[in-house]
Full PDB file with SEQRES, HELIX, SHEET, SSBOND, CRYST1, ORIGX, SCALE, CONECT and MASTER records, all heavy atoms in Angstrom:
SEQRES   1 A   43  LEU VAL ASP GLY GLY TYR LYS ALA PHE ARG ALA ALA LEU          
SEQRES   2 A   43  VAL ALA ASP LEU PRO GLN LEU ALA ALA ARG PHE ARG TYR          
SEQRES   3 A   43  GLN VAL VAL CYS GLY PRO THR GLY SER GLY LYS THR ARG          
SEQRES   4 A   43  LEU LEU GLN ALA                                              
HELIX    1 AA1 GLY A    5  ALA A   21  1                                  17    
HELIX    2 AA2 LYS A   37  GLN A   42  1                                   6    
CRYST1    1.000    1.000    1.000  90.00  90.00  90.00 P 1           1          
ORIGX1      1.000000  0.000000  0.000000        0.00000                         
ORIGX2      0.000000  1.000000  0.000000        0.00000                         
ORIGX3      0.000000  0.000000  1.000000        0.00000                         
SCALE1      1.000000  0.000000  0.000000        0.00000                         
SCALE2      0.000000  1.000000  0.000000        0.00000                         
SCALE3      0.000000  0.000000  1.000000        0.00000                         
ATOM      1  N   LEU A   1     -15.737  42.300  20.057  1.00  0.00           N  
ATOM      2  CA  LEU A   1     -15.753  40.994  19.404  1.00  0.00           C  
ATOM      3  C   LEU A   1     -14.481  40.798  18.580  1.00  0.00           C  
ATOM      4  O   LEU A   1     -13.980  41.738  17.968  1.00  0.00           O  
ATOM      5  CB  LEU A   1     -16.966  40.875  18.475  1.00  0.00           C  
ATOM      6  CG  LEU A   1     -18.314  40.520  19.098  1.00  0.00           C  
ATOM      7  CD1 LEU A   1     -19.426  40.753  18.083  1.00  0.00           C  
ATOM      8  CD2 LEU A   1     -18.320  39.067  19.552  1.00  0.00           C  
ATOM      9  N   VAL A   2     -13.975  39.547  18.556  1.00  0.00           N  
ATOM     10  CA  VAL A   2     -12.822  39.210  17.719  1.00  0.00           C  
ATOM     11  C   VAL A   2     -13.330  38.804  16.341  1.00  0.00           C  
ATOM     12  O   VAL A   2     -14.030  37.787  16.200  1.00  0.00           O  
ATOM     13  CB  VAL A   2     -11.998  38.064  18.332  1.00  0.00           C  
ATOM     14  CG1 VAL A   2     -10.814  37.730  17.418  1.00  0.00           C  
ATOM     15  CG2 VAL A   2     -11.510  38.433  19.726  1.00  0.00           C  
ATOM     16  N   ASP A   3     -13.012  39.587  15.322  1.00  0.00           N  
ATOM     17  CA  ASP A   3     -13.403  39.226  13.960  1.00  0.00           C  
ATOM     18  C   ASP A   3     -12.742  37.920  13.553  1.00  0.00           C  
ATOM     19  O   ASP A   3     -11.534  37.757  13.711  1.00  0.00           O  
ATOM     20  CB  ASP A   3     -12.979  40.329  12.981  1.00  0.00           C  
ATOM     21  CG  ASP A   3     -14.057  41.370  12.786  1.00  0.00           C  
ATOM     22  OD1 ASP A   3     -15.244  41.046  12.981  1.00  0.00           O  
ATOM     23  OD2 ASP A   3     -13.716  42.522  12.458  1.00  0.00           O  
ATOM     24  N   GLY A   4     -13.535  36.995  13.040  1.00  0.00           N  
ATOM     25  CA  GLY A   4     -12.996  35.704  12.627  1.00  0.00           C  
ATOM     26  C   GLY A   4     -12.863  34.711  13.753  1.00  0.00           C  
ATOM     27  O   GLY A   4     -12.517  33.552  13.531  1.00  0.00           O  
ATOM     28  N   GLY A   5     -13.128  35.148  14.994  1.00  0.00           N  
ATOM     29  CA  GLY A   5     -13.180  34.250  16.137  1.00  0.00           C  
ATOM     30  C   GLY A   5     -11.889  33.505  16.425  1.00  0.00           C  
ATOM     31  O   GLY A   5     -10.789  33.937  16.085  1.00  0.00           O  
ATOM     32  N   TYR A   6     -12.056  32.343  17.081  1.00  0.00           N  
ATOM     33  CA  TYR A   6     -10.893  31.556  17.473  1.00  0.00           C  
ATOM     34  C   TYR A   6     -10.058  31.149  16.268  1.00  0.00           C  
ATOM     35  O   TYR A   6      -8.820  31.133  16.343  1.00  0.00           O  
ATOM     36  CB  TYR A   6     -11.324  30.293  18.239  1.00  0.00           C  
ATOM     37  CG  TYR A   6     -10.173  29.331  18.413  1.00  0.00           C  
ATOM     38  CD1 TYR A   6      -9.223  29.546  19.410  1.00  0.00           C  
ATOM     39  CD2 TYR A   6      -9.990  28.252  17.542  1.00  0.00           C  
ATOM     40  CE1 TYR A   6      -8.126  28.703  19.551  1.00  0.00           C  
ATOM     41  CE2 TYR A   6      -8.899  27.410  17.672  1.00  0.00           C  
ATOM     42  CZ  TYR A   6      -7.970  27.637  18.673  1.00  0.00           C  
ATOM     43  OH  TYR A   6      -6.883  26.803  18.785  1.00  0.00           O  
ATOM     44  N   LYS A   7     -10.694  30.820  15.156  1.00  0.00           N  
ATOM     45  CA  LYS A   7      -9.952  30.362  13.981  1.00  0.00           C  
ATOM     46  C   LYS A   7      -8.955  31.425  13.526  1.00  0.00           C  
ATOM     47  O   LYS A   7      -7.789  31.113  13.218  1.00  0.00           O  
ATOM     48  CB  LYS A   7     -10.904  30.012  12.835  1.00  0.00           C  
ATOM     49  CG  LYS A   7     -10.200  29.407  11.626  1.00  0.00           C  
ATOM     50  CD  LYS A   7     -11.186  28.982  10.560  1.00  0.00           C  
ATOM     51  CE  LYS A   7     -10.447  28.328   9.387  1.00  0.00           C  
ATOM     52  NZ  LYS A   7     -11.385  27.921   8.308  1.00  0.00           N  
ATOM     53  N   ALA A   8      -9.380  32.680  13.488  1.00  0.00           N  
ATOM     54  CA  ALA A   8      -8.487  33.760  13.084  1.00  0.00           C  
ATOM     55  C   ALA A   8      -7.412  33.996  14.138  1.00  0.00           C  
ATOM     56  O   ALA A   8      -6.252  34.273  13.811  1.00  0.00           O  
ATOM     57  CB  ALA A   8      -9.289  35.040  12.844  1.00  0.00           C  
ATOM     58  N   PHE A   9      -7.787  33.893  15.409  1.00  0.00           N  
ATOM     59  CA  PHE A   9      -6.807  34.075  16.473  1.00  0.00           C  
ATOM     60  C   PHE A   9      -5.730  33.002  16.409  1.00  0.00           C  
ATOM     61  O   PHE A   9      -4.534  33.292  16.561  1.00  0.00           O  
ATOM     62  CB  PHE A   9      -7.505  34.034  17.832  1.00  0.00           C  
ATOM     63  CG  PHE A   9      -6.580  34.326  18.987  1.00  0.00           C  
ATOM     64  CD1 PHE A   9      -6.362  35.628  19.401  1.00  0.00           C  
ATOM     65  CD2 PHE A   9      -5.922  33.305  19.646  1.00  0.00           C  
ATOM     66  CE1 PHE A   9      -5.502  35.907  20.455  1.00  0.00           C  
ATOM     67  CE2 PHE A   9      -5.054  33.566  20.700  1.00  0.00           C  
ATOM     68  CZ  PHE A   9      -4.855  34.879  21.107  1.00  0.00           C  
ATOM     69  N   ARG A  10      -6.141  31.764  16.175  1.00  0.00           N  
ATOM     70  CA  ARG A  10      -5.180  30.659  16.070  1.00  0.00           C  
ATOM     71  C   ARG A  10      -4.197  30.912  14.923  1.00  0.00           C  
ATOM     72  O   ARG A  10      -2.983  30.717  15.077  1.00  0.00           O  
ATOM     73  CB  ARG A  10      -5.936  29.349  15.847  1.00  0.00           C  
ATOM     74  CG  ARG A  10      -5.107  28.167  15.371  1.00  0.00           C  
ATOM     75  CD  ARG A  10      -4.164  27.649  16.411  1.00  0.00           C  
ATOM     76  NE  ARG A  10      -3.358  26.544  15.885  1.00  0.00           N  
ATOM     77  CZ  ARG A  10      -2.314  26.016  16.498  1.00  0.00           C  
ATOM     78  NH1 ARG A  10      -1.930  26.486  17.672  1.00  0.00           N  
ATOM     79  NH2 ARG A  10      -1.652  25.027  15.948  1.00  0.00           N  
ATOM     80  N   ALA A  11      -4.698  31.350  13.780  1.00  0.00           N  
ATOM     81  CA  ALA A  11      -3.824  31.633  12.641  1.00  0.00           C  
ATOM     82  C   ALA A  11      -2.853  32.757  12.969  1.00  0.00           C  
ATOM     83  O   ALA A  11      -1.662  32.696  12.628  1.00  0.00           O  
ATOM     84  CB  ALA A  11      -4.651  31.984  11.413  1.00  0.00           C  
ATOM     85  N   ALA A  12      -3.330  33.785  13.669  1.00  0.00           N  
ATOM     86  CA  ALA A  12      -2.469  34.908  14.037  1.00  0.00           C  
ATOM     87  C   ALA A  12      -1.412  34.471  15.041  1.00  0.00           C  
ATOM     88  O   ALA A  12      -0.251  34.905  14.975  1.00  0.00           O  
ATOM     89  CB  ALA A  12      -3.317  36.044  14.606  1.00  0.00           C  
ATOM     90  N   LEU A  13      -1.785  33.606  15.986  1.00  0.00           N  
ATOM     91  CA  LEU A  13      -0.825  33.122  16.981  1.00  0.00           C  
ATOM     92  C   LEU A  13       0.266  32.281  16.323  1.00  0.00           C  
ATOM     93  O   LEU A  13       1.456  32.445  16.634  1.00  0.00           O  
ATOM     94  CB  LEU A  13      -1.564  32.307  18.048  1.00  0.00           C  
ATOM     95  CG  LEU A  13      -0.745  31.790  19.231  1.00  0.00           C  
ATOM     96  CD1 LEU A  13      -1.609  31.780  20.503  1.00  0.00           C  
ATOM     97  CD2 LEU A  13      -0.221  30.378  18.975  1.00  0.00           C  
ATOM     98  N   VAL A  14      -0.124  31.383  15.425  1.00  0.00           N  
ATOM     99  CA  VAL A  14       0.860  30.550  14.727  1.00  0.00           C  
ATOM    100  C   VAL A  14       1.826  31.413  13.925  1.00  0.00           C  
ATOM    101  O   VAL A  14       3.036  31.151  13.881  1.00  0.00           O  
ATOM    102  CB  VAL A  14       0.143  29.534  13.817  1.00  0.00           C  
ATOM    103  CG1 VAL A  14       1.131  28.840  12.881  1.00  0.00           C  
ATOM    104  CG2 VAL A  14      -0.609  28.501  14.655  1.00  0.00           C  
ATOM    105  N   ALA A  15       1.316  32.479  13.306  1.00  0.00           N  
ATOM    106  CA  ALA A  15       2.174  33.382  12.537  1.00  0.00           C  
ATOM    107  C   ALA A  15       3.089  34.194  13.450  1.00  0.00           C  
ATOM    108  O   ALA A  15       4.214  34.542  13.074  1.00  0.00           O  
ATOM    109  CB  ALA A  15       1.316  34.321  11.693  1.00  0.00           C  
ATOM    110  N   ASP A  16       2.633  34.479  14.668  1.00  0.00           N  
ATOM    111  CA  ASP A  16       3.407  35.320  15.589  1.00  0.00           C  
ATOM    112  C   ASP A  16       4.478  34.543  16.341  1.00  0.00           C  
ATOM    113  O   ASP A  16       5.500  35.123  16.739  1.00  0.00           O  
ATOM    114  CB  ASP A  16       2.446  35.968  16.592  1.00  0.00           C  
ATOM    115  CG  ASP A  16       3.119  37.010  17.470  1.00  0.00           C  
ATOM    116  OD1 ASP A  16       3.732  37.940  16.912  1.00  0.00           O  
ATOM    117  OD2 ASP A  16       3.034  36.901  18.709  1.00  0.00           O  
ATOM    118  N   LEU A  17       4.270  33.239  16.544  1.00  0.00           N  
ATOM    119  CA  LEU A  17       5.171  32.454  17.385  1.00  0.00           C  
ATOM    120  C   LEU A  17       6.639  32.500  16.931  1.00  0.00           C  
ATOM    121  O   LEU A  17       7.534  32.699  17.777  1.00  0.00           O  
ATOM    122  CB  LEU A  17       4.696  31.003  17.460  1.00  0.00           C  
ATOM    123  CG  LEU A  17       4.010  30.579  18.755  1.00  0.00           C  
ATOM    124  CD1 LEU A  17       3.503  29.153  18.660  1.00  0.00           C  
ATOM    125  CD2 LEU A  17       4.961  30.702  19.945  1.00  0.00           C  
ATOM    126  N   PRO A  18       6.958  32.314  15.650  1.00  0.00           N  
ATOM    127  CA  PRO A  18       8.379  32.307  15.258  1.00  0.00           C  
ATOM    128  C   PRO A  18       9.083  33.617  15.580  1.00  0.00           C  
ATOM    129  O   PRO A  18      10.205  33.607  16.112  1.00  0.00           O  
ATOM    130  CB  PRO A  18       8.330  32.046  13.747  1.00  0.00           C  
ATOM    131  CG  PRO A  18       7.024  31.373  13.512  1.00  0.00           C  
ATOM    132  CD  PRO A  18       6.087  31.974  14.508  1.00  0.00           C  
ATOM    133  N   GLN A  19       8.447  34.743  15.286  1.00  0.00           N  
ATOM    134  CA  GLN A  19       9.107  36.024  15.556  1.00  0.00           C  
ATOM    135  C   GLN A  19       9.155  36.313  17.042  1.00  0.00           C  
ATOM    136  O   GLN A  19      10.116  36.928  17.547  1.00  0.00           O  
ATOM    137  CB  GLN A  19       8.405  37.157  14.807  1.00  0.00           C  
ATOM    138  CG  GLN A  19       6.946  37.366  15.151  1.00  0.00           C  
ATOM    139  CD  GLN A  19       6.258  38.344  14.205  1.00  0.00           C  
ATOM    140  OE1 GLN A  19       6.709  38.534  13.079  1.00  0.00           O  
ATOM    141  NE2 GLN A  19       5.180  38.959  14.659  1.00  0.00           N  
ATOM    142  N   LEU A  20       8.157  35.854  17.796  1.00  0.00           N  
ATOM    143  CA  LEU A  20       8.178  36.027  19.243  1.00  0.00           C  
ATOM    144  C   LEU A  20       9.311  35.198  19.848  1.00  0.00           C  
ATOM    145  O   LEU A  20      10.078  35.693  20.689  1.00  0.00           O  
ATOM    146  CB  LEU A  20       6.831  35.604  19.841  1.00  0.00           C  
ATOM    147  CG  LEU A  20       6.675  35.713  21.361  1.00  0.00           C  
ATOM    148  CD1 LEU A  20       6.871  37.153  21.828  1.00  0.00           C  
ATOM    149  CD2 LEU A  20       5.305  35.189  21.796  1.00  0.00           C  
ATOM    150  N   ALA A  21       9.440  33.945  19.416  1.00  0.00           N  
ATOM    151  CA  ALA A  21      10.503  33.082  19.936  1.00  0.00           C  
ATOM    152  C   ALA A  21      11.878  33.637  19.630  1.00  0.00           C  
ATOM    153  O   ALA A  21      12.816  33.482  20.420  1.00  0.00           O  
ATOM    154  CB  ALA A  21      10.353  31.676  19.361  1.00  0.00           C  
ATOM    155  N   ALA A  22      12.027  34.291  18.494  1.00  0.00           N  
ATOM    156  CA  ALA A  22      13.329  34.812  18.066  1.00  0.00           C  
ATOM    157  C   ALA A  22      13.762  36.048  18.845  1.00  0.00           C  
ATOM    158  O   ALA A  22      14.916  36.473  18.738  1.00  0.00           O  
ATOM    159  CB  ALA A  22      13.290  35.122  16.573  1.00  0.00           C  
ATOM    160  N   ARG A  23      12.881  36.619  19.645  1.00  0.00           N  
ATOM    161  CA  ARG A  23      13.214  37.848  20.380  1.00  0.00           C  
ATOM    162  C   ARG A  23      14.106  37.595  21.586  1.00  0.00           C  
ATOM    163  O   ARG A  23      14.720  38.516  22.115  1.00  0.00           O  
ATOM    164  CB  ARG A  23      11.933  38.530  20.873  1.00  0.00           C  
ATOM    165  CG  ARG A  23      11.025  39.069  19.778  1.00  0.00           C  
ATOM    166  CD  ARG A  23       9.761  39.654  20.388  1.00  0.00           C  
ATOM    167  NE  ARG A  23      10.056  40.789  21.280  1.00  0.00           N  
ATOM    168  CZ  ARG A  23       9.200  41.302  22.154  1.00  0.00           C  
ATOM    169  NH1 ARG A  23       7.990  40.760  22.275  1.00  0.00           N  
ATOM    170  NH2 ARG A  23       9.528  42.325  22.908  1.00  0.00           N  
ATOM    171  N   PHE A  24      14.211  36.342  22.039  1.00  0.00           N  
ATOM    172  CA  PHE A  24      14.832  36.074  23.329  1.00  0.00           C  
ATOM    173  C   PHE A  24      16.200  35.413  23.208  1.00  0.00           C  
ATOM    174  O   PHE A  24      16.516  34.756  22.216  1.00  0.00           O  
ATOM    175  CB  PHE A  24      13.900  35.189  24.176  1.00  0.00           C  
ATOM    176  CG  PHE A  24      12.574  35.835  24.447  1.00  0.00           C  
ATOM    177  CD1 PHE A  24      11.471  35.556  23.660  1.00  0.00           C  
ATOM    178  CD2 PHE A  24      12.436  36.750  25.482  1.00  0.00           C  
ATOM    179  CE1 PHE A  24      10.250  36.162  23.894  1.00  0.00           C  
ATOM    180  CE2 PHE A  24      11.225  37.368  25.719  1.00  0.00           C  
ATOM    181  CZ  PHE A  24      10.132  37.082  24.934  1.00  0.00           C  
ATOM    182  N   ARG A  25      16.999  35.593  24.281  1.00  0.00           N  
ATOM    183  CA  ARG A  25      18.286  34.918  24.421  1.00  0.00           C  
ATOM    184  C   ARG A  25      18.068  33.708  25.332  1.00  0.00           C  
ATOM    185  O   ARG A  25      17.644  33.858  26.486  1.00  0.00           O  
ATOM    186  CB  ARG A  25      19.319  35.855  25.043  1.00  0.00           C  
ATOM    187  CG  ARG A  25      19.660  37.059  24.199  1.00  0.00           C  
ATOM    188  CD  ARG A  25      20.655  37.962  24.918  1.00  0.00           C  
ATOM    189  NE  ARG A  25      20.086  38.577  26.116  1.00  0.00           N  
ATOM    190  CZ  ARG A  25      20.469  38.309  27.360  1.00  0.00           C  
ATOM    191  NH1 ARG A  25      21.428  37.420  27.581  1.00  0.00           N  
ATOM    192  NH2 ARG A  25      19.905  38.935  28.387  1.00  0.00           N  
ATOM    193  N   TYR A  26      18.351  32.527  24.812  1.00  0.00           N  
ATOM    194  CA  TYR A  26      18.100  31.303  25.557  1.00  0.00           C  
ATOM    195  C   TYR A  26      19.389  30.750  26.161  1.00  0.00           C  
ATOM    196  O   TYR A  26      20.467  30.848  25.576  1.00  0.00           O  
ATOM    197  CB  TYR A  26      17.464  30.242  24.657  1.00  0.00           C  
ATOM    198  CG  TYR A  26      16.125  30.669  24.101  1.00  0.00           C  
ATOM    199  CD1 TYR A  26      16.043  31.279  22.844  1.00  0.00           C  
ATOM    200  CD2 TYR A  26      14.958  30.504  24.824  1.00  0.00           C  
ATOM    201  CE1 TYR A  26      14.825  31.698  22.339  1.00  0.00           C  
ATOM    202  CE2 TYR A  26      13.731  30.922  24.326  1.00  0.00           C  
ATOM    203  CZ  TYR A  26      13.670  31.521  23.079  1.00  0.00           C  
ATOM    204  OH  TYR A  26      12.470  31.941  22.578  1.00  0.00           O  
ATOM    205  N   GLN A  27      19.253  30.174  27.339  1.00  0.00           N  
ATOM    206  CA  GLN A  27      20.293  29.350  27.951  1.00  0.00           C  
ATOM    207  C   GLN A  27      19.725  27.940  28.007  1.00  0.00           C  
ATOM    208  O   GLN A  27      18.745  27.680  28.728  1.00  0.00           O  
ATOM    209  CB  GLN A  27      20.626  29.862  29.352  1.00  0.00           C  
ATOM    210  CG  GLN A  27      21.342  31.208  29.373  1.00  0.00           C  
ATOM    211  CD  GLN A  27      22.802  31.071  28.988  1.00  0.00           C  
ATOM    212  OE1 GLN A  27      23.517  30.177  29.452  1.00  0.00           O  
ATOM    213  NE2 GLN A  27      23.265  31.959  28.120  1.00  0.00           N  
ATOM    214  N   VAL A  28      20.298  27.047  27.225  1.00  0.00           N  
ATOM    215  CA  VAL A  28      19.742  25.704  27.074  1.00  0.00           C  
ATOM    216  C   VAL A  28      20.367  24.773  28.112  1.00  0.00           C  
ATOM    217  O   VAL A  28      21.581  24.553  28.113  1.00  0.00           O  
ATOM    218  CB  VAL A  28      19.985  25.161  25.655  1.00  0.00           C  
ATOM    219  CG1 VAL A  28      19.361  23.779  25.512  1.00  0.00           C  
ATOM    220  CG2 VAL A  28      19.406  26.118  24.615  1.00  0.00           C  
ATOM    221  N   VAL A  29      19.533  24.242  28.997  1.00  0.00           N  
ATOM    222  CA  VAL A  29      19.997  23.345  30.049  1.00  0.00           C  
ATOM    223  C   VAL A  29      20.053  21.932  29.491  1.00  0.00           C  
ATOM    224  O   VAL A  29      19.018  21.336  29.150  1.00  0.00           O  
ATOM    225  CB  VAL A  29      19.074  23.420  31.276  1.00  0.00           C  
ATOM    226  CG1 VAL A  29      19.531  22.439  32.357  1.00  0.00           C  
ATOM    227  CG2 VAL A  29      19.043  24.845  31.828  1.00  0.00           C  
ATOM    228  N   CYS A  30      21.269  21.395  29.391  1.00  0.00           N  
ATOM    229  CA  CYS A  30      21.503  20.064  28.822  1.00  0.00           C  
ATOM    230  C   CYS A  30      21.928  19.096  29.918  1.00  0.00           C  
ATOM    231  O   CYS A  30      22.258  19.497  31.030  1.00  0.00           O  
ATOM    232  CB  CYS A  30      22.592  20.125  27.752  1.00  0.00           C  
ATOM    233  SG  CYS A  30      22.357  21.401  26.503  1.00  0.00           S  
ATOM    234  N   GLY A  31      21.950  17.847  29.565  1.00  0.00           N  
ATOM    235  CA  GLY A  31      22.385  16.818  30.501  1.00  0.00           C  
ATOM    236  C   GLY A  31      21.675  15.520  30.197  1.00  0.00           C  
ATOM    237  O   GLY A  31      20.514  15.528  29.767  1.00  0.00           O  
ATOM    238  N   PRO A  32      22.351  14.384  30.418  1.00  0.00           N  
ATOM    239  CA  PRO A  32      21.702  13.096  30.145  1.00  0.00           C  
ATOM    240  C   PRO A  32      20.528  12.855  31.087  1.00  0.00           C  
ATOM    241  O   PRO A  32      20.347  13.572  32.083  1.00  0.00           O  
ATOM    242  CB  PRO A  32      22.833  12.089  30.397  1.00  0.00           C  
ATOM    243  CG  PRO A  32      23.778  12.792  31.314  1.00  0.00           C  
ATOM    244  CD  PRO A  32      23.709  14.231  30.945  1.00  0.00           C  
ATOM    245  N   THR A  33      19.727  11.866  30.775  1.00  0.00           N  
ATOM    246  CA  THR A  33      18.548  11.539  31.580  1.00  0.00           C  
ATOM    247  C   THR A  33      18.933  11.356  33.053  1.00  0.00           C  
ATOM    248  O   THR A  33      19.914  10.684  33.370  1.00  0.00           O  
ATOM    249  CB  THR A  33      17.904  10.246  31.050  1.00  0.00           C  
ATOM    250  OG1 THR A  33      17.517  10.446  29.695  1.00  0.00           O  
ATOM    251  CG2 THR A  33      16.682   9.874  31.877  1.00  0.00           C  
ATOM    252  N   GLY A  34      18.181  12.005  33.932  1.00  0.00           N  
ATOM    253  CA  GLY A  34      18.421  11.867  35.363  1.00  0.00           C  
ATOM    254  C   GLY A  34      19.438  12.833  35.931  1.00  0.00           C  
ATOM    255  O   GLY A  34      19.771  12.747  37.115  1.00  0.00           O  
ATOM    256  N   SER A  35      19.919  13.762  35.129  1.00  0.00           N  
ATOM    257  CA  SER A  35      20.956  14.679  35.621  1.00  0.00           C  
ATOM    258  C   SER A  35      20.376  15.876  36.377  1.00  0.00           C  
ATOM    259  O   SER A  35      21.127  16.648  36.969  1.00  0.00           O  
ATOM    260  CB  SER A  35      21.823  15.166  34.456  1.00  0.00           C  
ATOM    261  OG  SER A  35      21.043  15.829  33.484  1.00  0.00           O  
ATOM    262  N   GLY A  36      19.070  16.059  36.343  1.00  0.00           N  
ATOM    263  CA  GLY A  36      18.448  17.113  37.137  1.00  0.00           C  
ATOM    264  C   GLY A  36      18.079  18.368  36.368  1.00  0.00           C  
ATOM    265  O   GLY A  36      17.935  19.438  36.957  1.00  0.00           O  
ATOM    266  N   LYS A  37      17.891  18.244  35.068  1.00  0.00           N  
ATOM    267  CA  LYS A  37      17.571  19.426  34.249  1.00  0.00           C  
ATOM    268  C   LYS A  37      16.284  20.093  34.737  1.00  0.00           C  
ATOM    269  O   LYS A  37      16.230  21.320  34.915  1.00  0.00           O  
ATOM    270  CB  LYS A  37      17.446  19.013  32.772  1.00  0.00           C  
ATOM    271  CG  LYS A  37      18.715  18.444  32.183  1.00  0.00           C  
ATOM    272  CD  LYS A  37      18.566  18.138  30.704  1.00  0.00           C  
ATOM    273  CE  LYS A  37      17.620  16.996  30.391  1.00  0.00           C  
ATOM    274  NZ  LYS A  37      18.097  15.692  30.931  1.00  0.00           N  
ATOM    275  N   THR A  38      15.241  19.299  34.936  1.00  0.00           N  
ATOM    276  CA  THR A  38      13.961  19.865  35.371  1.00  0.00           C  
ATOM    277  C   THR A  38      14.079  20.479  36.760  1.00  0.00           C  
ATOM    278  O   THR A  38      13.534  21.556  37.030  1.00  0.00           O  
ATOM    279  CB  THR A  38      12.864  18.787  35.353  1.00  0.00           C  
ATOM    280  OG1 THR A  38      12.670  18.338  34.002  1.00  0.00           O  
ATOM    281  CG2 THR A  38      11.546  19.335  35.891  1.00  0.00           C  
ATOM    282  N   ARG A  39      14.820  19.817  37.639  1.00  0.00           N  
ATOM    283  CA  ARG A  39      14.992  20.362  38.991  1.00  0.00           C  
ATOM    284  C   ARG A  39      15.729  21.701  38.945  1.00  0.00           C  
ATOM    285  O   ARG A  39      15.413  22.621  39.711  1.00  0.00           O  
ATOM    286  CB  ARG A  39      15.729  19.364  39.869  1.00  0.00           C  
ATOM    287  CG  ARG A  39      14.896  18.140  40.212  1.00  0.00           C  
ATOM    288  CD  ARG A  39      15.534  17.297  41.288  1.00  0.00           C  
ATOM    289  NE  ARG A  39      14.683  16.147  41.607  1.00  0.00           N  
ATOM    290  CZ  ARG A  39      14.900  15.307  42.620  1.00  0.00           C  
ATOM    291  NH1 ARG A  39      15.936  15.508  43.424  1.00  0.00           N  
ATOM    292  NH2 ARG A  39      14.083  14.295  42.840  1.00  0.00           N  
ATOM    293  N   LEU A  40      16.713  21.812  38.081  1.00  0.00           N  
ATOM    294  CA  LEU A  40      17.418  23.084  37.967  1.00  0.00           C  
ATOM    295  C   LEU A  40      16.495  24.165  37.418  1.00  0.00           C  
ATOM    296  O   LEU A  40      16.494  25.302  37.913  1.00  0.00           O  
ATOM    297  CB  LEU A  40      18.647  22.940  37.074  1.00  0.00           C  
ATOM    298  CG  LEU A  40      19.447  24.232  36.852  1.00  0.00           C  
ATOM    299  CD1 LEU A  40      19.909  24.837  38.175  1.00  0.00           C  
ATOM    300  CD2 LEU A  40      20.624  23.986  35.921  1.00  0.00           C  
ATOM    301  N   LEU A  41      15.691  23.831  36.406  1.00  0.00           N  
ATOM    302  CA  LEU A  41      14.739  24.820  35.879  1.00  0.00           C  
ATOM    303  C   LEU A  41      13.764  25.277  36.957  1.00  0.00           C  
ATOM    304  O   LEU A  41      13.458  26.469  37.074  1.00  0.00           O  
ATOM    305  CB  LEU A  41      13.969  24.223  34.697  1.00  0.00           C  
ATOM    306  CG  LEU A  41      14.735  24.012  33.389  1.00  0.00           C  
ATOM    307  CD1 LEU A  41      13.814  23.406  32.336  1.00  0.00           C  
ATOM    308  CD2 LEU A  41      15.328  25.321  32.873  1.00  0.00           C  
ATOM    309  N   GLN A  42      13.283  24.343  37.746  1.00  0.00           N  
ATOM    310  CA  GLN A  42      12.360  24.702  38.827  1.00  0.00           C  
ATOM    311  C   GLN A  42      13.040  25.596  39.858  1.00  0.00           C  
ATOM    312  O   GLN A  42      12.435  26.554  40.355  1.00  0.00           O  
ATOM    313  CB  GLN A  42      11.823  23.430  39.484  1.00  0.00           C  
ATOM    314  CG  GLN A  42      10.901  22.621  38.582  1.00  0.00           C  
ATOM    315  CD  GLN A  42      10.570  21.247  39.134  1.00  0.00           C  
ATOM    316  OE1 GLN A  42      11.257  20.740  40.031  1.00  0.00           O  
ATOM    317  NE2 GLN A  42       9.529  20.625  38.610  1.00  0.00           N  
ATOM    318  N   ALA A  43      14.307  25.303  40.161  1.00  0.00           N  
ATOM    319  CA  ALA A  43      15.055  26.124  41.111  1.00  0.00           C  
ATOM    320  C   ALA A  43      15.292  27.518  40.546  1.00  0.00           C  
ATOM    321  O   ALA A  43      15.192  28.519  41.265  1.00  0.00           O  
ATOM    322  CB  ALA A  43      16.379  25.444  41.453  1.00  0.00           C  
TER     323      ALA A  43                                                      
MASTER        0    0    0    2    0    0    0    6  322    1    0    4          
END                                                                             
C-alpha cells in the first residue's frame, strides 16, 4: 500500500519534477509556425 495514497504521490511527483528535468541535456527544436517542428520530433 502507498501511505498517504494518491495525494502523497502527487506531492512527491511535483517535488521530484524539477530535479528530474534538470538531469537532462535538451536540444530545443525552434522554428516559426508551420516550419515542421512536430514532424521533425516525430522523425
